[in-house]
Structures are given as structure tokens and as C-alpha cells.
Protein backbone atom coordinates (compact mmCIF):
# COMPACT_ATOMS: atom_id res chain seq x y z
CA MET A 1 86.41 115.30 125.48
CA ALA A 2 85.31 116.96 122.24
CA GLY A 3 88.08 118.03 119.93
CA ARG A 4 90.52 115.16 120.61
CA ARG A 5 92.92 115.03 117.66
CA LEU A 6 92.82 111.81 115.64
CA LEU A 7 95.54 111.38 113.02
CA ILE A 8 95.14 108.64 110.40
CA LEU A 9 98.38 108.05 108.54
CA GLY A 10 97.71 106.44 105.17
CA GLY A 11 94.73 106.43 102.83
CA GLY A 12 94.89 102.83 101.65
CA PHE A 13 92.35 100.10 102.41
CA GLY A 14 92.79 100.29 106.18
CA GLY A 15 93.09 104.05 106.64
CA LEU A 16 90.20 104.71 104.28
CA ASP A 17 87.88 102.43 106.26
CA VAL A 18 88.83 104.13 109.55
CA ALA A 19 88.09 107.56 108.07
CA ARG A 20 84.78 106.40 106.61
CA ALA A 21 83.71 104.89 109.94
CA ILE A 22 84.35 108.17 111.74
CA GLY A 23 82.66 110.18 109.00
CA ARG A 24 79.49 108.08 109.06
CA ALA A 25 78.85 108.63 112.78
CA ARG A 26 77.90 112.17 113.79
CA ASP A 27 78.83 111.67 117.43
CA ALA A 28 82.25 110.33 116.38
CA ARG A 29 82.80 113.34 114.10
CA GLU A 30 82.03 115.63 117.00
CA TYR A 31 84.23 113.70 119.44
CA TRP A 32 87.26 113.32 117.14
CA GLU A 33 89.01 116.13 115.29
CA THR A 34 90.08 113.86 112.44
CA LEU A 35 92.91 114.45 109.98
CA LEU A 36 93.74 111.91 107.27
CA ILE A 37 97.26 112.21 105.82
CA ASP A 38 98.57 110.46 102.72
CA LYS A 39 101.43 111.13 100.29
CA GLU A 40 98.93 110.89 97.43
CA ASN A 41 95.55 112.58 97.16
CA PHE A 42 93.87 109.39 96.01
CA PHE A 43 93.12 105.85 97.12
CA GLN A 44 94.14 103.19 94.61
CA PHE A 45 92.48 99.80 94.25
CA ASN A 46 95.61 97.64 94.16
CA PRO A 47 94.03 94.31 93.07
CA LEU A 48 93.30 95.77 89.63
CA LEU A 49 96.80 97.15 88.95
CA PRO A 50 97.69 94.28 86.55
CA ALA A 51 94.52 95.04 84.57
CA VAL A 52 95.53 98.70 84.41
CA ALA A 53 99.00 97.69 83.20
CA VAL A 54 97.54 96.13 80.05
CA GLY A 55 94.74 98.62 79.50
CA SER A 56 91.77 96.34 80.23
CA VAL A 57 90.75 98.73 83.03
CA GLU A 58 91.25 102.48 82.72
CA THR A 59 93.75 104.05 85.11
CA ARG A 60 91.47 106.65 86.68
CA HIS A 61 88.73 104.10 87.24
CA ILE A 62 90.67 102.41 90.07
CA VAL A 63 91.54 105.60 91.96
CA TYR A 64 89.26 107.51 94.32
CA PRO A 65 89.98 111.11 95.43
CA LEU A 66 90.63 111.21 99.17
CA ARG A 67 89.83 114.90 99.46
CA ALA A 68 86.35 114.31 98.05
CA MET A 69 85.83 111.45 100.52
CA ALA A 70 87.00 113.66 103.40
CA ARG A 71 84.64 116.47 102.39
CA HIS A 72 81.68 114.10 102.18
CA ARG A 73 82.56 112.62 105.59
CA HIS A 74 83.16 116.02 107.22
CA ILE A 75 86.78 115.30 108.13
CA ARG A 76 90.05 116.91 107.04
CA PHE A 77 92.57 115.61 104.51
CA GLN A 78 96.17 116.64 103.96
CA LYS A 79 98.44 115.50 101.12
CA ASN A 80 101.89 115.11 102.63
CA LYS A 81 104.58 112.55 103.36
CA VAL A 82 105.25 111.23 106.86
CA ILE A 83 108.93 111.72 107.73
CA ALA A 84 109.00 110.63 111.38
CA ILE A 85 106.70 109.72 114.28
CA ASP A 86 107.59 110.98 117.77
CA LEU A 87 105.69 108.72 120.17
CA ALA A 88 106.95 110.50 123.29
CA ARG A 89 105.77 113.94 122.15
CA ARG A 90 102.73 112.59 120.31
CA GLN A 91 103.75 114.33 117.11
CA VAL A 92 104.08 113.39 113.46
CA ARG A 93 106.69 115.22 111.39
CA LEU A 94 105.79 115.77 107.76
CA HIS A 95 107.56 116.99 104.65
CA ASN A 96 108.38 120.75 104.58
CA ASP A 97 108.98 120.72 108.35
CA LEU A 98 105.30 120.56 109.19
CA VAL A 99 104.37 118.96 112.53
CA GLU A 100 100.96 117.57 113.48
CA PRO A 101 100.19 116.69 117.12
CA TYR A 102 97.81 113.89 118.02
CA ASP A 103 95.87 112.44 120.92
CA GLN A 104 95.11 109.23 119.01
CA LEU A 105 97.19 107.86 116.16
CA VAL A 106 96.23 105.27 113.54
CA ILE A 107 99.19 103.97 111.53
CA ALA A 108 98.10 102.61 108.15
CA LEU A 109 101.06 103.48 105.91
CA GLY A 110 100.94 100.26 103.93
CA SER A 111 104.12 98.74 102.53
CA VAL A 112 106.95 99.37 100.07
CA THR A 113 108.77 97.06 97.67
CA ASP A 114 111.20 94.69 99.40
CA TYR A 115 114.34 93.89 97.41
CA TYR A 116 115.67 91.55 100.12
CA GLY A 117 119.13 93.05 99.86
CA VAL A 118 119.71 91.59 96.38
CA PRO A 119 122.51 93.69 94.81
CA GLY A 120 121.33 95.71 91.84
CA ALA A 121 117.66 94.77 92.23
CA GLU A 122 116.39 98.24 93.10
CA ALA A 123 118.54 99.96 90.48
CA HIS A 124 117.89 97.66 87.53
CA THR A 125 114.33 96.36 87.93
CA ARG A 126 110.96 98.04 87.65
CA PRO A 127 108.68 97.87 90.71
CA PHE A 128 104.99 97.08 90.43
CA LYS A 129 103.34 98.72 93.42
CA THR A 130 101.53 101.86 92.30
CA VAL A 131 99.19 103.02 89.58
CA VAL A 132 102.11 104.97 88.09
CA ASP A 133 104.13 101.73 87.91
CA ALA A 134 101.26 100.08 86.05
CA MET A 135 100.83 102.99 83.61
CA THR A 136 104.57 103.14 82.91
CA LEU A 137 104.84 99.39 82.32
CA ARG A 138 101.99 99.44 79.81
CA ALA A 139 103.52 102.37 77.93
CA ARG A 140 106.93 100.68 77.94
CA VAL A 141 105.55 97.44 76.50
CA VAL A 142 103.89 99.28 73.62
CA GLU A 143 107.01 101.39 73.02
CA LEU A 144 109.21 98.29 72.87
CA PHE A 145 106.89 96.73 70.29
CA GLU A 146 107.23 99.89 68.21
CA MET A 147 111.01 99.68 68.44
CA ALA A 148 111.07 95.94 67.73
CA GLU A 149 108.97 96.44 64.60
CA GLN A 150 111.69 98.78 63.28
CA ALA A 151 114.65 96.60 64.31
CA GLU A 152 116.72 95.20 61.45
CA THR A 153 117.58 91.81 62.93
CA ARG A 154 115.69 89.04 64.65
CA GLU A 155 118.24 89.09 67.46
CA GLN A 156 117.38 92.72 68.20
CA ARG A 157 113.64 92.02 68.10
CA ARG A 158 113.96 89.13 70.53
CA ARG A 159 116.12 91.18 72.84
CA LEU A 160 113.65 94.08 72.97
CA LEU A 161 110.65 91.80 73.56
CA SER A 162 112.12 89.80 76.45
CA PHE A 163 110.34 90.32 79.78
CA VAL A 164 111.29 88.80 83.13
CA VAL A 165 108.99 88.89 86.18
CA ILE A 166 110.93 88.26 89.39
CA GLY A 167 108.57 86.78 91.97
CA GLY A 168 105.93 84.11 91.40
CA GLY A 169 103.37 85.28 93.93
CA VAL A 170 99.88 86.53 93.09
CA THR A 171 101.09 89.85 91.67
CA GLY A 172 103.85 88.28 89.57
CA VAL A 173 101.52 85.65 88.14
CA GLU A 174 98.83 88.20 87.30
CA VAL A 175 101.31 90.55 85.63
CA ALA A 176 102.74 87.71 83.51
CA ALA A 177 99.29 86.43 82.51
CA GLU A 178 97.99 89.86 81.52
CA LEU A 179 101.23 90.74 79.73
CA ILE A 180 101.33 87.61 77.57
CA GLU A 181 97.66 88.04 76.69
CA MET A 182 98.01 91.67 75.63
CA ALA A 183 101.22 90.99 73.72
CA ARG A 184 99.94 87.98 71.78
CA GLU A 185 96.29 88.85 71.22
CA THR A 186 96.44 92.63 70.77
CA LEU A 187 99.93 93.80 69.90
CA LEU A 188 101.49 91.07 67.72
CA PRO A 189 98.71 91.16 65.06
CA LYS A 190 99.37 94.89 64.62
CA TYR A 191 103.08 94.47 63.85
CA PRO A 192 103.52 92.42 60.65
CA SER A 193 107.29 92.05 61.01
CA LEU A 194 106.97 90.37 64.41
CA ASP A 195 105.87 86.84 65.33
CA ARG A 196 105.33 84.85 68.50
CA SER A 197 108.86 83.52 68.60
CA ASP A 198 110.16 87.09 69.07
CA LEU A 199 108.37 87.40 72.43
CA THR A 200 109.47 85.85 75.72
CA VAL A 201 107.85 86.27 79.13
CA ARG A 202 109.53 84.53 82.06
CA VAL A 203 108.59 84.19 85.71
CA LEU A 204 111.33 83.47 88.26
CA GLU A 205 110.16 82.00 91.57
CA SER A 206 112.59 81.07 94.34
CA GLY A 207 110.23 78.50 95.88
CA ASP A 208 109.16 75.09 94.67
CA ARG A 209 105.76 76.28 93.41
CA ILE A 210 104.21 79.52 92.25
CA VAL A 211 101.60 81.29 94.36
CA ASN A 212 102.62 79.24 97.39
CA THR A 213 99.84 80.81 99.46
CA ALA A 214 97.25 79.09 97.26
CA LEU A 215 96.05 75.51 97.37
CA PRO A 216 98.56 73.11 95.75
CA GLU A 217 96.06 72.20 93.05
CA HIS A 218 95.58 75.88 92.23
CA SER A 219 99.34 76.41 92.04
CA ALA A 220 99.51 73.51 89.58
CA TYR A 221 96.56 74.92 87.59
CA VAL A 222 98.19 78.36 87.35
CA LEU A 223 101.49 76.80 86.26
CA ARG A 224 99.81 74.79 83.50
CA PHE A 225 97.79 77.82 82.39
CA LEU A 226 100.84 80.07 82.11
CA GLU A 227 102.88 77.45 80.28
CA ARG A 228 100.06 76.85 77.78
CA ARG A 229 99.96 80.58 77.15
CA GLY A 230 103.69 80.59 76.44
CA VAL A 231 105.10 81.88 79.74
CA ASP A 232 108.39 80.28 80.81
CA VAL A 233 108.10 79.60 84.57
CA ARG A 234 111.26 78.69 86.46
CA LEU A 235 110.95 77.34 89.99
CA GLY A 236 113.78 77.30 92.51
CA ALA A 237 115.16 80.36 90.74
CA ALA A 238 116.37 82.66 93.53
CA ALA A 239 117.89 85.93 92.35
CA THR A 240 121.30 86.69 93.89
CA ARG A 241 122.33 89.68 91.78
CA VAL A 242 120.73 91.89 89.16
CA GLU A 243 122.54 93.74 86.39
CA PRO A 244 121.08 95.85 83.59
CA ARG A 245 118.94 93.37 81.63
CA ALA A 246 120.28 90.28 83.44
CA VAL A 247 119.32 88.34 86.58
CA HIS A 248 121.91 86.08 88.21
CA LEU A 249 120.43 83.04 89.97
CA ALA A 250 121.66 81.02 92.94
CA ASP A 251 122.50 78.03 90.73
CA GLY A 252 124.90 80.14 88.67
CA THR A 253 122.70 80.62 85.61
CA VAL A 254 121.93 84.04 84.14
CA VAL A 255 118.50 84.97 82.80
CA GLU A 256 118.48 87.86 80.36
CA GLY A 257 115.59 90.24 79.80
CA PHE A 258 115.24 93.74 78.39
CA THR A 259 112.54 94.55 80.95
CA LEU A 260 112.93 93.22 84.49
CA ILE A 261 109.85 93.53 86.73
CA TRP A 262 110.22 93.02 90.51
CA THR A 263 107.18 91.57 92.29
CA ALA A 264 109.01 89.47 94.88
CA GLY A 265 107.70 91.01 98.09
CA VAL A 266 106.92 94.00 100.29
CA ARG A 267 108.01 95.37 103.67
CA PRO A 268 106.92 98.21 105.99
CA PRO A 269 108.35 101.64 105.17
CA GLU A 270 111.45 102.83 107.05
CA VAL A 271 109.45 105.24 109.20
CA ILE A 272 107.70 102.18 110.67
CA ARG A 273 110.81 100.05 111.08
CA ASP A 274 112.55 102.87 112.98
CA LEU A 275 109.87 103.19 115.68
CA PRO A 276 110.87 102.04 119.22
CA LEU A 277 108.15 99.39 119.32
CA ALA A 278 107.94 95.60 119.25
CA HIS A 279 108.53 94.37 115.70
CA ALA A 280 108.04 91.04 113.97
CA LYS A 281 110.94 89.62 111.94
CA ASP A 282 109.51 91.12 108.76
CA GLY A 283 109.48 94.61 110.27
CA ARG A 284 105.78 94.92 111.06
CA ILE A 285 104.68 96.37 114.39
CA VAL A 286 103.34 93.74 116.79
CA VAL A 287 99.83 94.60 118.00
CA ASP A 288 97.52 93.16 120.63
CA GLY A 289 93.96 91.93 120.17
CA ARG A 290 92.68 95.52 120.02
CA LEU A 291 95.25 96.52 117.36
CA ARG A 292 97.22 98.61 119.85
CA ALA A 293 100.96 98.85 119.22
CA LEU A 294 103.16 97.06 121.74
CA ASP A 295 106.32 98.62 123.12
CA PRO A 296 109.49 96.48 123.40
CA SER A 297 108.37 95.20 126.81
CA GLY A 298 105.01 94.06 125.41
CA THR A 299 102.96 96.85 126.98
CA PRO A 300 100.14 98.11 124.71
CA LEU A 301 99.98 101.82 123.84
CA ASP A 302 96.39 103.03 124.06
CA ASP A 303 97.08 106.04 121.84
CA VAL A 304 98.61 104.13 118.89
CA LEU A 305 96.62 101.75 116.68
CA VAL A 306 98.33 99.92 113.81
CA ILE A 307 96.46 98.29 110.93
CA GLY A 308 96.98 96.79 107.48
CA ASP A 309 100.43 95.91 106.15
CA CYS A 310 102.14 97.72 109.05
CA ALA A 311 100.56 95.48 111.71
CA ALA A 312 101.59 92.03 112.85
CA ALA A 313 98.25 90.82 114.24
CA SER A 314 98.02 87.28 115.59
CA ASP A 315 96.06 84.69 113.67
CA GLU A 316 94.35 81.52 114.86
CA ARG A 317 97.38 79.37 113.99
CA GLY A 318 99.81 81.21 116.26
CA GLY A 319 101.39 83.24 113.47
CA TYR A 320 100.50 86.62 112.01
CA GLN A 321 97.74 87.63 109.63
CA PRO A 322 98.95 87.81 105.99
CA ARG A 323 99.56 91.13 104.30
CA LEU A 324 96.47 91.13 102.09
CA ALA A 325 93.85 93.69 101.14
CA GLN A 326 91.20 91.76 103.07
CA THR A 327 93.36 91.96 106.22
CA ALA A 328 93.71 95.72 105.81
CA VAL A 329 89.96 96.10 105.29
CA ALA A 330 89.06 93.96 108.30
CA SER A 331 91.53 95.68 110.63
CA GLY A 332 90.52 99.12 109.36
CA ARG A 333 86.86 98.41 109.99
CA ARG A 334 87.58 97.12 113.49
CA ALA A 335 89.79 100.09 114.36
CA GLY A 336 87.20 102.52 112.98
CA ASP A 337 84.38 100.79 114.87
CA ASN A 338 86.34 100.94 118.13
CA LEU A 339 87.05 104.66 117.70
CA VAL A 340 83.34 105.25 117.15
CA ARG A 341 82.59 103.15 120.22
CA ARG A 342 85.03 105.19 122.27
CA ALA A 343 83.22 108.36 121.21
CA ARG A 344 80.02 106.76 122.51
CA GLY A 345 81.56 105.61 125.78
CA LEU A 346 81.41 101.92 124.85
CA ALA A 347 84.06 99.26 125.41
CA PRO A 348 86.23 98.31 122.40
CA ARG A 349 85.92 94.98 120.64
CA ALA A 350 88.76 92.62 119.88
CA PHE A 351 90.00 92.16 116.33
CA SER A 352 89.70 88.76 114.71
CA MET A 353 89.30 87.62 111.15
CA LYS A 354 89.15 84.48 109.09
CA LEU A 355 90.47 84.62 105.56
CA LYS A 356 87.67 84.46 103.02
CA GLY A 357 89.92 82.87 100.43
CA TYR A 358 91.84 84.30 97.50
CA ILE A 359 91.42 85.34 93.90
CA ILE A 360 94.06 85.14 91.16
CA SER A 361 93.30 86.69 87.78
CA LEU A 362 94.82 84.99 84.75
CA GLY A 363 93.62 87.37 82.08
CA LYS A 364 90.52 87.77 79.98
CA HIS A 365 88.64 84.56 80.59
CA SER A 366 90.25 82.69 83.46
CA SER A 367 90.97 82.95 87.17
CA VAL A 368 91.37 80.71 90.16
CA VAL A 369 89.29 81.35 93.27
CA GLU A 370 89.15 79.76 96.70
CA LEU A 371 86.07 81.01 98.51
CA MET A 372 85.23 79.76 102.01
CA GLY A 373 87.19 76.58 101.33
CA ILE A 374 85.59 75.88 97.92
CA PRO A 375 87.95 76.03 94.90
CA PHE A 376 86.92 77.35 91.48
CA SER A 377 88.85 77.88 88.26
CA GLY A 378 88.31 78.89 84.66
CA ARG A 379 85.69 81.28 83.26
CA LEU A 380 83.33 80.92 86.21
CA ALA A 381 86.16 81.94 88.51
CA TRP A 382 86.88 84.95 86.28
CA LEU A 383 83.28 86.07 86.55
CA MET A 384 83.51 85.68 90.33
CA TRP A 385 86.77 87.68 90.32
CA ALA A 386 85.24 90.50 88.29
CA GLY A 387 82.05 90.57 90.35
CA TYR A 388 83.80 90.48 93.72
CA TYR A 389 86.16 93.34 92.98
CA LEU A 390 83.33 95.31 91.41
CA ILE A 391 81.45 95.14 94.71
CA GLN A 392 84.59 96.16 96.62
CA MET A 393 85.16 99.33 94.56
CA VAL A 394 84.75 102.60 96.46
CA GLY A 395 81.68 104.48 95.29
CA VAL A 396 78.93 103.76 92.76
CA ARG A 397 80.70 105.76 90.06
CA LYS A 398 83.81 103.59 90.24
CA GLN A 399 81.68 100.43 90.22
CA ILE A 400 79.96 101.58 87.03
CA GLU A 401 83.23 102.60 85.37
CA VAL A 402 85.03 99.35 86.15
CA GLY A 403 81.96 97.28 85.26
CA LEU A 404 81.82 98.94 81.83
CA ASP A 405 85.55 98.31 81.43
CA HIS A 406 85.02 94.59 82.04
CA LEU A 407 82.15 94.43 79.56
CA THR A 408 84.14 96.34 76.95
CA HIS A 409 87.15 94.09 77.44
CA LEU A 410 85.03 90.99 76.90
CA VAL A 411 84.06 92.24 73.44
CA PHE A 412 87.01 94.32 72.30
CA GLU A 413 90.79 93.97 72.44
CA HIS A 414 93.18 96.01 74.59
CA ASP A 415 93.76 99.63 73.61
CA SER A 416 97.31 99.86 72.21
CA SER A 417 97.64 103.65 72.31
CA GLN A 418 100.93 104.84 73.80
CA ILE A 419 100.31 108.14 75.60
CA LEU A 420 103.46 108.57 77.69
CA SER A 421 106.53 109.82 75.82
CA ARG A 422 109.44 107.56 74.97
CA ARG A 423 111.66 109.44 77.42
CA GLN A 424 109.22 108.67 80.26
CA VAL A 425 109.45 104.89 79.82
CA LEU A 426 113.00 104.29 78.57
CA SER A 427 116.38 104.99 80.15
CA ASP A 428 118.95 107.22 78.45
CA GLU A 429 120.85 104.11 77.32
CA GLU A 430 117.67 102.60 75.87
CA LEU A 431 116.81 105.87 74.12
CA ASN A 432 120.17 105.74 72.33
CA LEU A 433 119.91 102.07 71.42
CA SER A 434 120.70 101.47 67.78
CA LEU A 435 118.24 99.38 65.79
CA ARG A 436 120.62 99.04 62.86
CA ASN A 437 122.41 95.84 61.99
CA ALA A 438 125.67 97.02 63.54
CA PRO A 439 128.43 95.27 65.53
CA PRO A 440 128.04 95.35 69.34
CA GLU A 441 130.65 98.09 69.84
CA ALA A 442 128.60 100.41 67.64
CA GLN A 443 125.27 99.76 69.26
CA HIS A 444 125.24 103.04 71.22
CA THR A 445 126.32 105.42 68.46
CA HIS A 446 122.99 105.93 66.77
CA ARG A 447 120.06 107.66 68.41
CA ALA A 448 116.80 105.75 67.85
CA GLY A 449 114.53 108.77 67.66
CA ALA A 450 113.76 111.67 69.96
CA ALA A 451 111.33 111.57 72.81
């Protein structure tokens, strides 16, 4: 049976753990001819993206090169994008018309931003899903402060420094908390012509409380924390249409913002939704207790395992496991263990997991944590947040780098250097925005500096 082709699609939390499991076991490496495929050549540690967005953690410190991991684990890696999966032929079609056959497939392609069909949302908001999104947002914030400092009127300054986060889940809350902290504590003191009243950060949440997956008392704590910091949180604010620098809500009101950030949700990529398999309502592939994909009749496919955000795995309450990093890690470890067991002629084990809790970062000195049913908040929770994610980092080098970042951030302020060019973070219309005290019809006649 040696030489059976194992394809792992996706190098996120789940796919990485499958690859590492195979690479650690010599008999599994000899049994499986393993190829890991991802559209990027690095793994990114998503929970620290908000920290990257404000510069409290360096960008490269949360990424880990997949090719280096593959070399250390004696498996192959290929940087390419999955275009289609042919289950009947057992083939995966990649960009540039490349085709890779498989005997065993592991689907771990993660998720993409879900705009829920809201008109204009994809065109006029900025996603927050990748390390590039985080880098670009940070550079844009600094660039807008530079422009606001040169603006001639208070109206222009307030317009430039208005930020709207659409989605009050964990990501939206963390982005808003980090953004208001960096803006008030690091940037505003450096710009003498600006004051706190020029800055607005809003969070729009369609539900009746923010972070509705958290304990009610934690949702209330987060709300109070954000409001004390100066964040305007609006509940029951469902977006129905988005225009350039304006969000239309279901109640008829319009919320204006120069920078609109979309953190409202995720969905499986189209290549997953198009597969002729059983799907949950949210598009995920329904799997059985061994993480095998189910066809429309409910029959499991032995040659297709699905993990992470792509999988709808049953939980103990009769629903599906949430799309969280800990779910991806747990399912990846179980899938990897079962592939090793198959190489050794052992029976597979069923997948099950119990959520360990959650962690929500609220900036430099505060977090909320629910660990094994015990709630924490404040500075102790922040220390737990920093320590937990430090342990979860891939590799000793990354643990050291991120640990030093945390220590540095405790003592020093955010770095306000703007490395990306103006053209990389502003649209053509924004590049041509006039900062002079001119009537509205003349606002686009004066170029505000070259990139």
C-alpha cells in the first residue's frame, strides 16, 4: 500500500495539524505520499490579526513558512490555488491547468468573508481576514491621520477619522478595541492639530448584544469597556445596503464612515459549496463521526475527509461545531491521527470535542476569558490571553518573537511608521481628495499629494 497519494488542501490550523501528524510518524510518511497545497506559502495565526493591524505584534511574527514545515516533516508542499475538485475522478484541478490525483483527500480550505448578499458590501468595505488585510488597515489608519493633520477644516478632519466596523462578533470587537487604543494613545498625541473629538469609531451589530457567542455578562462587560474607551456601539443595526462611506440600516438610518470594515461573518469558499455532497444551511460539508464527507444520500465517502471551517461536524447539543480555531485544531489532529492509524493498520477513532472556552482581546491591558466554564476579565484575562496564544504559536522562534512583542508593547507605544505607499491604501477617489476649504463641488479638483 506504500505510495498512496494523500492530498491536503489548505495550510491553516486544520491542514497544518494533519501534515504535522503525518510528518512526525515515519511509518505514516512511508505509507502516504503526502502533498500539502495552499494558495499562500505560509500559515497565519489568525487570532493575532487585530494586534498586527495596530502594530503591537509584528506581521512576520504570526506567519510560519509552510515549505519549511514540509521540508522538516519530509512531505511535499505546493503553492497553488484550488479551482475545482472532481470526486468521481479523484482529481483536484489547480491554477494554470495543473491536475493532482489523489487516493485520500483532506479538505481544509478554511473560509472566506460572507457579505450575506448585502448590496455594495463587498465593493465598498474592507475585509479583515488575512495578514494583508491587517497590514493594509494599519497603514490606512496612519495615512488618514497624516491627511487629517493637514486638513483645513474640522469637518474634513472628522470625516477622514471616522471608522465603522460592521459586525459585533469577536473579530469586530477586537478590531474596534485595538483601533481606538492605537488612535487615542499613540497617534493623537503626535498630531497637535487633532483632538479626541475628531475621531469616531463605531461598531454596528445586527443582534441584541455584541459577541453573542460569549456569556451574557461578558457581552455586557465588553460593551461597557468599549463605550468607556469612546467606541459607539449600535445594537440591532442590520446593514441593508452599503455605499461609498455610508452604511444603510434596516431602520432607515444611515451611518457614515470614511473607512468601513466588514467583520460580519464567513462562509466556505465556492469550490466547497459547488461539491455534490451533503451541505448544511451555511454551506459547510456535513461529515460523520470520523470526519468523512457525506454524499447527498448520507453515505460517507472513505476517501474524503473534511475539517475546520469547511466541515459541519455534529456537537453534543444536536447542532454543528462552531467555526473556531480550536475546532479546526481538534478536527485536524483527529484526522491526522486517523491517517497515521490507517498507515499502521489500526481502526480509526471518532471525532469529538468540547469547547475549552473563548478569549476576547480588548487591547493593551484587558481581555475577557471563559476557560472551562470559569469567567475572567481585566488584566488577569489579558495575561491569560497573551500566554495562551503564545503557547499555541507554531515553533519556538515564533513563540519568542511574539513574546518579545508583548513585552515591548507593555512598555512602549505602538509603532506609527507608515511603510506602505499612499496608493496602496487609498482609492483613486481618496488620493484626489482635496484638503482645502473648498465647496463640495470642488472637492475632487485638487490632488492631495502623489503616492
